[in-house]
PDB file of N, CA and C in Angstrom:
ATOM      1  N   MET A   1     -11.885  91.308 -91.113  1.00  0.00           N
ATOM      2  CA  MET A   1     -12.080  90.011 -90.508  1.00  0.00           C
ATOM      3  C   MET A   1     -10.816  89.578 -89.754  1.00  0.00           C
ATOM      4  N   LYS A   2      -9.643  89.863 -90.324  1.00  0.00           N
ATOM      5  CA  LYS A   2      -8.392  89.518 -89.654  1.00  0.00           C
ATOM      6  C   LYS A   2      -8.261  90.262 -88.336  1.00  0.00           C
ATOM      7  N   TYR A   3      -8.673  91.525 -88.340  1.00  0.00           N
ATOM      8  CA  TYR A   3      -8.542  92.330 -87.141  1.00  0.00           C
ATOM      9  C   TYR A   3      -9.450  91.821 -86.020  1.00  0.00           C
ATOM     10  N   LEU A   4     -10.625  91.357 -86.378  1.00  0.00           N
ATOM     11  CA  LEU A   4     -11.533  90.803 -85.387  1.00  0.00           C
ATOM     12  C   LEU A   4     -10.947  89.537 -84.768  1.00  0.00           C
ATOM     13  N   LEU A   5     -10.370  88.690 -85.587  1.00  0.00           N
ATOM     14  CA  LEU A   5      -9.742  87.468 -85.092  1.00  0.00           C
ATOM     15  C   LEU A   5      -8.529  87.795 -84.221  1.00  0.00           C
ATOM     16  N   LEU A   6      -7.711  88.733 -84.664  1.00  0.00           N
ATOM     17  CA  LEU A   6      -6.537  89.141 -83.904  1.00  0.00           C
ATOM     18  C   LEU A   6      -6.944  89.745 -82.561  1.00  0.00           C
ATOM     19  N   PHE A   7      -7.973  90.561 -82.564  1.00  0.00           N
ATOM     20  CA  PHE A   7      -8.460  91.177 -81.329  1.00  0.00           C
ATOM     21  C   PHE A   7      -8.976  90.111 -80.356  1.00  0.00           C
ATOM     22  N   THR A   8      -9.685  89.131 -80.860  1.00  0.00           N
ATOM     23  CA  THR A   8     -10.212  88.062 -80.019  1.00  0.00           C
ATOM     24  C   THR A   8      -9.089  87.250 -79.384  1.00  0.00           C
ATOM     25  N   VAL A   9      -8.073  86.925 -80.157  1.00  0.00           N
ATOM     26  CA  VAL A   9      -6.931  86.179 -79.625  1.00  0.00           C
ATOM     27  C   VAL A   9      -6.198  87.011 -78.572  1.00  0.00           C
ATOM     28  N   PHE A  10      -5.992  88.281 -78.845  1.00  0.00           N
ATOM     29  CA  PHE A  10      -5.312  89.161 -77.896  1.00  0.00           C
ATOM     30  C   PHE A  10      -6.103  89.280 -76.601  1.00  0.00           C
ATOM     31  N   LEU A  11      -7.408  89.421 -76.703  1.00  0.00           N
ATOM     32  CA  LEU A  11      -8.254  89.523 -75.513  1.00  0.00           C
ATOM     33  C   LEU A  11      -8.201  88.236 -74.693  1.00  0.00           C
ATOM     34  N   GLY A  12      -8.202  87.115 -75.356  1.00  0.00           N
ATOM     35  CA  GLY A  12      -8.135  85.831 -74.664  1.00  0.00           C
ATOM     36  C   GLY A  12      -6.822  85.616 -73.941  1.00  0.00           C
ATOM     37  N   LEU A  13      -5.738  86.111 -74.508  1.00  0.00           N
ATOM     38  CA  LEU A  13      -4.428  85.948 -73.878  1.00  0.00           C
ATOM     39  C   LEU A  13      -4.183  86.953 -72.762  1.00  0.00           C
ATOM     40  N   SER A  14      -4.798  88.110 -72.832  1.00  0.00           N
ATOM     41  CA  SER A  14      -4.543  89.134 -71.828  1.00  0.00           C
ATOM     42  C   SER A  14      -5.379  88.949 -70.565  1.00  0.00           C
ATOM     43  N   THR A  15      -6.491  88.252 -70.629  1.00  0.00           N
ATOM     44  CA  THR A  15      -7.356  88.075 -69.472  1.00  0.00           C
ATOM     45  C   THR A  15      -6.675  87.320 -68.332  1.00  0.00           C
ATOM     46  N   PRO A  16      -5.994  86.197 -68.556  1.00  0.00           N
ATOM     47  CA  PRO A  16      -5.337  85.507 -67.437  1.00  0.00           C
ATOM     48  C   PRO A  16      -4.242  86.330 -66.773  1.00  0.00           C
ATOM     49  N   SER A  17      -3.582  87.196 -67.497  1.00  0.00           N
ATOM     50  CA  SER A  17      -2.516  87.988 -66.885  1.00  0.00           C
ATOM     51  C   SER A  17      -3.075  88.946 -65.841  1.00  0.00           C
ATOM     52  N   GLY A  18      -4.272  89.451 -66.038  1.00  0.00           N
ATOM     53  CA  GLY A  18      -4.900  90.300 -65.030  1.00  0.00           C
ATOM     54  C   GLY A  18      -5.245  89.534 -63.781  1.00  0.00           C
ATOM     55  N   ALA A  19      -5.672  88.307 -63.934  1.00  0.00           N
ATOM     56  CA  ALA A  19      -6.014  87.474 -62.783  1.00  0.00           C
ATOM     57  C   ALA A  19      -4.778  87.138 -61.963  1.00  0.00           C
ATOM     58  N   VAL A  20      -3.659  86.927 -62.609  1.00  0.00           N
ATOM     59  CA  VAL A  20      -2.422  86.599 -61.894  1.00  0.00           C
ATOM     60  C   VAL A  20      -1.981  87.773 -61.040  1.00  0.00           C
ATOM     61  N   THR A  21      -2.019  88.972 -61.561  1.00  0.00           N
ATOM     62  CA  THR A  21      -1.587  90.120 -60.772  1.00  0.00           C
ATOM     63  C   THR A  21      -2.530  90.382 -59.614  1.00  0.00           C
ATOM     64  N   THR A  22      -3.823  90.144 -59.783  1.00  0.00           N
ATOM     65  CA  THR A  22      -4.767  90.318 -58.687  1.00  0.00           C
ATOM     66  C   THR A  22      -4.483  89.319 -57.583  1.00  0.00           C
ATOM     67  N   ARG A  23      -4.241  88.080 -57.928  1.00  0.00           N
ATOM     68  CA  ARG A  23      -3.934  87.045 -56.935  1.00  0.00           C
ATOM     69  C   ARG A  23      -2.619  87.366 -56.222  1.00  0.00           C
ATOM     70  N   MET A  24      -1.623  87.795 -56.972  1.00  0.00           N
ATOM     71  CA  MET A  24      -0.331  88.132 -56.382  1.00  0.00           C
ATOM     72  C   MET A  24      -0.474  89.283 -55.391  1.00  0.00           C
ATOM     73  N   PHE A  25      -1.283  90.278 -55.753  1.00  0.00           N
ATOM     74  CA  PHE A  25      -1.509  91.401 -54.843  1.00  0.00           C
ATOM     75  C   PHE A  25      -2.162  90.930 -53.556  1.00  0.00           C
ATOM     76  N   LYS A  26      -3.133  90.029 -53.647  1.00  0.00           N
ATOM     77  CA  LYS A  26      -3.813  89.524 -52.456  1.00  0.00           C
ATOM     78  C   LYS A  26      -2.855  88.751 -51.558  1.00  0.00           C
ATOM     79  N   VAL A  27      -1.970  87.980 -52.159  1.00  0.00           N
ATOM     80  CA  VAL A  27      -0.984  87.224 -51.370  1.00  0.00           C
ATOM     81  C   VAL A  27      -0.034  88.186 -50.668  1.00  0.00           C
ATOM     82  N   LEU A  28       0.498  89.147 -51.388  1.00  0.00           N
ATOM     83  CA  LEU A  28       1.423  90.107 -50.777  1.00  0.00           C
ATOM     84  C   LEU A  28       0.742  90.936 -49.699  1.00  0.00           C
ATOM     85  N   ASP A  29      -0.509  91.303 -49.931  1.00  0.00           N
ATOM     86  CA  ASP A  29      -1.257  92.078 -48.946  1.00  0.00           C
ATOM     87  C   ASP A  29      -1.494  91.265 -47.679  1.00  0.00           C
ATOM     88  N   THR A  30      -1.877  90.014 -47.834  1.00  0.00           N
ATOM     89  CA  THR A  30      -2.117  89.151 -46.678  1.00  0.00           C
ATOM     90  C   THR A  30      -0.831  88.908 -45.898  1.00  0.00           C
ATOM     91  N   CYS A  31       0.273  88.670 -46.613  1.00  0.00           N
ATOM     92  CA  CYS A  31       1.560  88.464 -45.938  1.00  0.00           C
ATOM     93  C   CYS A  31       1.994  89.727 -45.190  1.00  0.00           C
ATOM     94  N   ALA A  32       1.764  90.881 -45.782  1.00  0.00           N
ATOM     95  CA  ALA A  32       2.122  92.135 -45.115  1.00  0.00           C
ATOM     96  C   ALA A  32       1.264  92.351 -43.876  1.00  0.00           C
ATOM     97  N   ARG A  33      -0.019  92.069 -43.976  1.00  0.00           N
ATOM     98  CA  ARG A  33      -0.902  92.227 -42.817  1.00  0.00           C
ATOM     99  C   ARG A  33      -0.547  91.236 -41.708  1.00  0.00           C
ATOM    100  N   TYR A  34      -0.114  90.044 -42.084  1.00  0.00           N
ATOM    101  CA  TYR A  34       0.344  89.082 -41.082  1.00  0.00           C
ATOM    102  C   TYR A  34       1.602  89.601 -40.391  1.00  0.00           C
ATOM    103  N   ARG A  35       2.520  90.123 -41.179  1.00  0.00           N
ATOM    104  CA  ARG A  35       3.769  90.621 -40.610  1.00  0.00           C
ATOM    105  C   ARG A  35       3.532  91.810 -39.680  1.00  0.00           C
ATOM    106  N   LEU A  36       2.547  92.631 -40.002  1.00  0.00           N
ATOM    107  CA  LEU A  36       2.215  93.781 -39.155  1.00  0.00           C
ATOM    108  C   LEU A  36       1.300  93.402 -37.985  1.00  0.00           C
ATOM    109  N   LYS A  37       1.038  92.108 -37.842  1.00  0.00           N
ATOM    110  CA  LYS A  37       0.217  91.572 -36.752  1.00  0.00           C
ATOM    111  C   LYS A  37      -1.250  92.005 -36.845  1.00  0.00           C
ATOM    112  N   GLU A  38      -1.708  92.362 -38.045  1.00  0.00           N
ATOM    113  CA  GLU A  38      -3.126  92.648 -38.234  1.00  0.00           C
ATOM    114  C   GLU A  38      -3.926  91.364 -38.379  1.00  0.00           C
ATOM    115  N   LYS A  39      -3.241  90.288 -38.760  1.00  0.00           N
ATOM    116  CA  LYS A  39      -3.880  88.985 -38.904  1.00  0.00           C
ATOM    117  C   LYS A  39      -3.050  87.943 -38.177  1.00  0.00           C
ATOM    118  N   THR A  40      -3.730  86.956 -37.628  1.00  0.00           N
ATOM    119  CA  THR A  40      -3.014  85.834 -37.020  1.00  0.00           C
ATOM    120  C   THR A  40      -2.604  84.870 -38.128  1.00  0.00           C
ATOM    121  N   ALA A  41      -1.778  83.917 -37.774  1.00  0.00           N
ATOM    122  CA  ALA A  41      -1.302  82.947 -38.767  1.00  0.00           C
ATOM    123  C   ALA A  41      -2.449  82.110 -39.312  1.00  0.00           C
ATOM    124  N   LEU A  42      -3.343  81.682 -38.436  1.00  0.00           N
ATOM    125  CA  LEU A  42      -4.464  80.852 -38.890  1.00  0.00           C
ATOM    126  C   LEU A  42      -5.412  81.625 -39.797  1.00  0.00           C
ATOM    127  N   VAL A  43      -5.634  82.898 -39.507  1.00  0.00           N
ATOM    128  CA  VAL A  43      -6.496  83.724 -40.356  1.00  0.00           C
ATOM    129  C   VAL A  43      -5.829  83.952 -41.705  1.00  0.00           C
ATOM    130  N   ALA A  44      -4.528  84.199 -41.714  1.00  0.00           N
ATOM    131  CA  ALA A  44      -3.804  84.400 -42.969  1.00  0.00           C
ATOM    132  C   ALA A  44      -3.851  83.146 -43.837  1.00  0.00           C
ATOM    133  N   ILE A  45      -3.695  81.986 -43.218  1.00  0.00           N
ATOM    134  CA  ILE A  45      -3.766  80.725 -43.962  1.00  0.00           C
ATOM    135  C   ILE A  45      -5.154  80.546 -44.565  1.00  0.00           C
ATOM    136  N   LYS A  46      -6.170  80.884 -43.790  1.00  0.00           N
ATOM    137  CA  LYS A  46      -7.547  80.775 -44.290  1.00  0.00           C
ATOM    138  C   LYS A  46      -7.783  81.755 -45.442  1.00  0.00           C
ATOM    139  N   ASP A  47      -7.306  82.991 -45.302  1.00  0.00           N
ATOM    140  CA  ASP A  47      -7.490  84.001 -46.347  1.00  0.00           C
ATOM    141  C   ASP A  47      -6.772  83.626 -47.643  1.00  0.00           C
ATOM    142  N   LEU A  48      -5.620  82.975 -47.515  1.00  0.00           N
ATOM    143  CA  LEU A  48      -4.862  82.557 -48.698  1.00  0.00           C
ATOM    144  C   LEU A  48      -5.360  81.235 -49.282  1.00  0.00           C
ATOM    145  N   LYS A  49      -6.310  80.624 -48.597  1.00  0.00           N
ATOM    146  CA  LYS A  49      -6.909  79.358 -49.044  1.00  0.00           C
ATOM    147  C   LYS A  49      -5.855  78.269 -49.224  1.00  0.00           C
ATOM    148  N   LEU A  50      -4.967  78.177 -48.226  1.00  0.00           N
ATOM    149  CA  LEU A  50      -3.919  77.170 -48.249  1.00  0.00           C
ATOM    150  C   LEU A  50      -4.411  75.900 -47.567  1.00  0.00           C
ATOM    151  N   LYS A  51      -3.875  74.772 -47.985  1.00  0.00           N
ATOM    152  CA  LYS A  51      -4.213  73.504 -47.354  1.00  0.00           C
ATOM    153  C   LYS A  51      -3.321  73.334 -46.125  1.00  0.00           C
ATOM    154  N   TYR A  52      -3.928  73.418 -44.963  1.00  0.00           N
ATOM    155  CA  TYR A  52      -3.206  73.291 -43.707  1.00  0.00           C
ATOM    156  C   TYR A  52      -4.024  72.411 -42.778  1.00  0.00           C
ATOM    157  N   GLN A  53      -3.456  71.308 -42.340  1.00  0.00           N
ATOM    158  CA  GLN A  53      -4.184  70.336 -41.530  1.00  0.00           C
ATOM    159  C   GLN A  53      -4.007  70.557 -40.029  1.00  0.00           C
ATOM    160  N   GLY A  54      -2.932  71.217 -39.644  1.00  0.00           N
ATOM    161  CA  GLY A  54      -2.660  71.388 -38.218  1.00  0.00           C
ATOM    162  C   GLY A  54      -3.569  72.411 -37.568  1.00  0.00           C
ATOM    163  N   LYS A  55      -3.644  72.348 -36.263  1.00  0.00           N
ATOM    164  CA  LYS A  55      -4.458  73.295 -35.493  1.00  0.00           C
ATOM    165  C   LYS A  55      -3.608  74.135 -34.553  1.00  0.00           C
ATOM    166  N   ASP A  56      -2.342  73.774 -34.409  1.00  0.00           N
ATOM    167  CA  ASP A  56      -1.447  74.459 -33.482  1.00  0.00           C
ATOM    168  C   ASP A  56      -1.014  75.805 -34.065  1.00  0.00           C
ATOM    169  N   GLU A  57      -1.064  76.850 -33.240  1.00  0.00           N
ATOM    170  CA  GLU A  57      -0.726  78.196 -33.696  1.00  0.00           C
ATOM    171  C   GLU A  57       0.763  78.326 -34.044  1.00  0.00           C
ATOM    172  N   SER A  58       1.641  77.661 -33.295  1.00  0.00           N
ATOM    173  CA  SER A  58       3.079  77.773 -33.574  1.00  0.00           C
ATOM    174  C   SER A  58       3.440  77.095 -34.901  1.00  0.00           C
ATOM    175  N   GLU A  59       2.793  75.960 -35.199  1.00  0.00           N
ATOM    176  CA  GLU A  59       3.006  75.317 -36.498  1.00  0.00           C
ATOM    177  C   GLU A  59       2.468  76.187 -37.629  1.00  0.00           C
ATOM    178  N   ALA A  60       1.343  76.822 -37.380  1.00  0.00           N
ATOM    179  CA  ALA A  60       0.746  77.700 -38.388  1.00  0.00           C
ATOM    180  C   ALA A  60       1.665  78.885 -38.671  1.00  0.00           C
ATOM    181  N   GLU A  61       2.298  79.409 -37.647  1.00  0.00           N
ATOM    182  CA  GLU A  61       3.226  80.527 -37.841  1.00  0.00           C
ATOM    183  C   GLU A  61       4.411  80.122 -38.706  1.00  0.00           C
ATOM    184  N   LEU A  62       4.963  78.948 -38.456  1.00  0.00           N
ATOM    185  CA  LEU A  62       6.074  78.459 -39.285  1.00  0.00           C
ATOM    186  C   LEU A  62       5.624  78.247 -40.732  1.00  0.00           C
ATOM    187  N   PHE A  63       4.439  77.703 -40.878  1.00  0.00           N
ATOM    188  CA  PHE A  63       3.894  77.430 -42.204  1.00  0.00           C
ATOM    189  C   PHE A  63       3.715  78.725 -43.003  1.00  0.00           C
ATOM    190  N   ILE A  64       3.118  79.731 -42.400  1.00  0.00           N
ATOM    191  CA  ILE A  64       2.860  80.990 -43.114  1.00  0.00           C
ATOM    192  C   ILE A  64       4.160  81.770 -43.332  1.00  0.00           C
ATOM    193  N   LYS A  65       5.118  81.646 -42.421  1.00  0.00           N
ATOM    194  CA  LYS A  65       6.419  82.296 -42.616  1.00  0.00           C
ATOM    195  C   LYS A  65       7.124  81.725 -43.844  1.00  0.00           C
ATOM    196  N   LEU A  66       7.105  80.413 -43.976  1.00  0.00           N
ATOM    197  CA  LEU A  66       7.729  79.786 -45.150  1.00  0.00           C
ATOM    198  C   LEU A  66       7.011  80.177 -46.432  1.00  0.00           C
ATOM    199  N   TYR A  67       5.691  80.194 -46.381  1.00  0.00           N
ATOM    200  CA  TYR A  67       4.913  80.550 -47.571  1.00  0.00           C
ATOM    201  C   TYR A  67       5.184  81.993 -47.984  1.00  0.00           C
ATOM    202  N   CYS A  68       5.156  82.909 -47.036  1.00  0.00           N
ATOM    203  CA  CYS A  68       5.351  84.328 -47.355  1.00  0.00           C
ATOM    204  C   CYS A  68       6.794  84.639 -47.752  1.00  0.00           C
ATOM    205  N   SER A  69       7.750  83.849 -47.281  1.00  0.00           N
ATOM    206  CA  SER A  69       9.142  84.108 -47.634  1.00  0.00           C
ATOM    207  C   SER A  69       9.394  83.897 -49.126  1.00  0.00           C
ATOM    208  N   VAL A  70       8.574  83.099 -49.773  1.00  0.00           N
ATOM    209  CA  VAL A  70       8.703  82.883 -51.218  1.00  0.00           C
ATOM    210  C   VAL A  70       8.391  84.168 -51.984  1.00  0.00           C
ATOM    211  N   PHE A  71       7.490  84.973 -51.464  1.00  0.00           N
ATOM    212  CA  PHE A  71       7.057  86.182 -52.150  1.00  0.00           C
ATOM    213  C   PHE A  71       7.836  87.420 -51.749  1.00  0.00           C
ATOM    214  N   THR A  72       8.818  87.257 -50.868  1.00  0.00           N
ATOM    215  CA  THR A  72       9.621  88.385 -50.420  1.00  0.00           C
ATOM    216  C   THR A  72      10.917  88.437 -51.223  1.00  0.00           C
ATOM    217  N   PRO A  73      11.162  89.515 -51.949  1.00  0.00           N
ATOM    218  CA  PRO A  73      12.360  89.578 -52.788  1.00  0.00           C
ATOM    219  C   PRO A  73      13.671  89.673 -51.994  1.00  0.00           C
ATOM    220  N   ASN A  74      13.629  90.140 -50.779  1.00  0.00           N
ATOM    221  CA  ASN A  74      14.832  90.312 -49.967  1.00  0.00           C
ATOM    222  C   ASN A  74      14.932  89.159 -48.981  1.00  0.00           C
ATOM    223  N   GLU A  75      16.011  88.406 -49.025  1.00  0.00           N
ATOM    224  CA  GLU A  75      16.160  87.255 -48.148  1.00  0.00           C
ATOM    225  C   GLU A  75      16.327  87.634 -46.683  1.00  0.00           C
ATOM    226  N   ASN A  76      16.714  88.861 -46.398  1.00  0.00           N
ATOM    227  CA  ASN A  76      16.985  89.273 -45.028  1.00  0.00           C
ATOM    228  C   ASN A  76      15.722  89.670 -44.265  1.00  0.00           C
ATOM    229  N   VAL A  77      14.573  89.667 -44.906  1.00  0.00           N
ATOM    230  CA  VAL A  77      13.337  90.016 -44.229  1.00  0.00           C
ATOM    231  C   VAL A  77      12.888  88.846 -43.376  1.00  0.00           C
ATOM    232  N   ASP A  78      12.685  89.105 -42.103  1.00  0.00           N
ATOM    233  CA  ASP A  78      12.249  88.044 -41.185  1.00  0.00           C
ATOM    234  C   ASP A  78      10.810  88.325 -40.774  1.00  0.00           C
ATOM    235  N   PHE A  79       9.987  87.316 -40.896  1.00  0.00           N
ATOM    236  CA  PHE A  79       8.598  87.461 -40.494  1.00  0.00           C
ATOM    237  C   PHE A  79       8.508  87.088 -39.053  1.00  0.00           C
TER     238      PHE A  79
END
């Protein structure tokens, strides 16, 4: 009975960690595709489901550059 309870608690705690890594991968993938010019700034913002009110492409580029810079471990990387 203890093992069943322990297994249930472990399963409950491990499930959110899988979701976090999946989300992180999607963010890094979208930022990389934006940097490689496979996606525009507005498409990247839409794919990341970010709240962005502006319609101007240059503002969108600044917005996505700032967002993606948080996920880049090297400060010298320029988007």
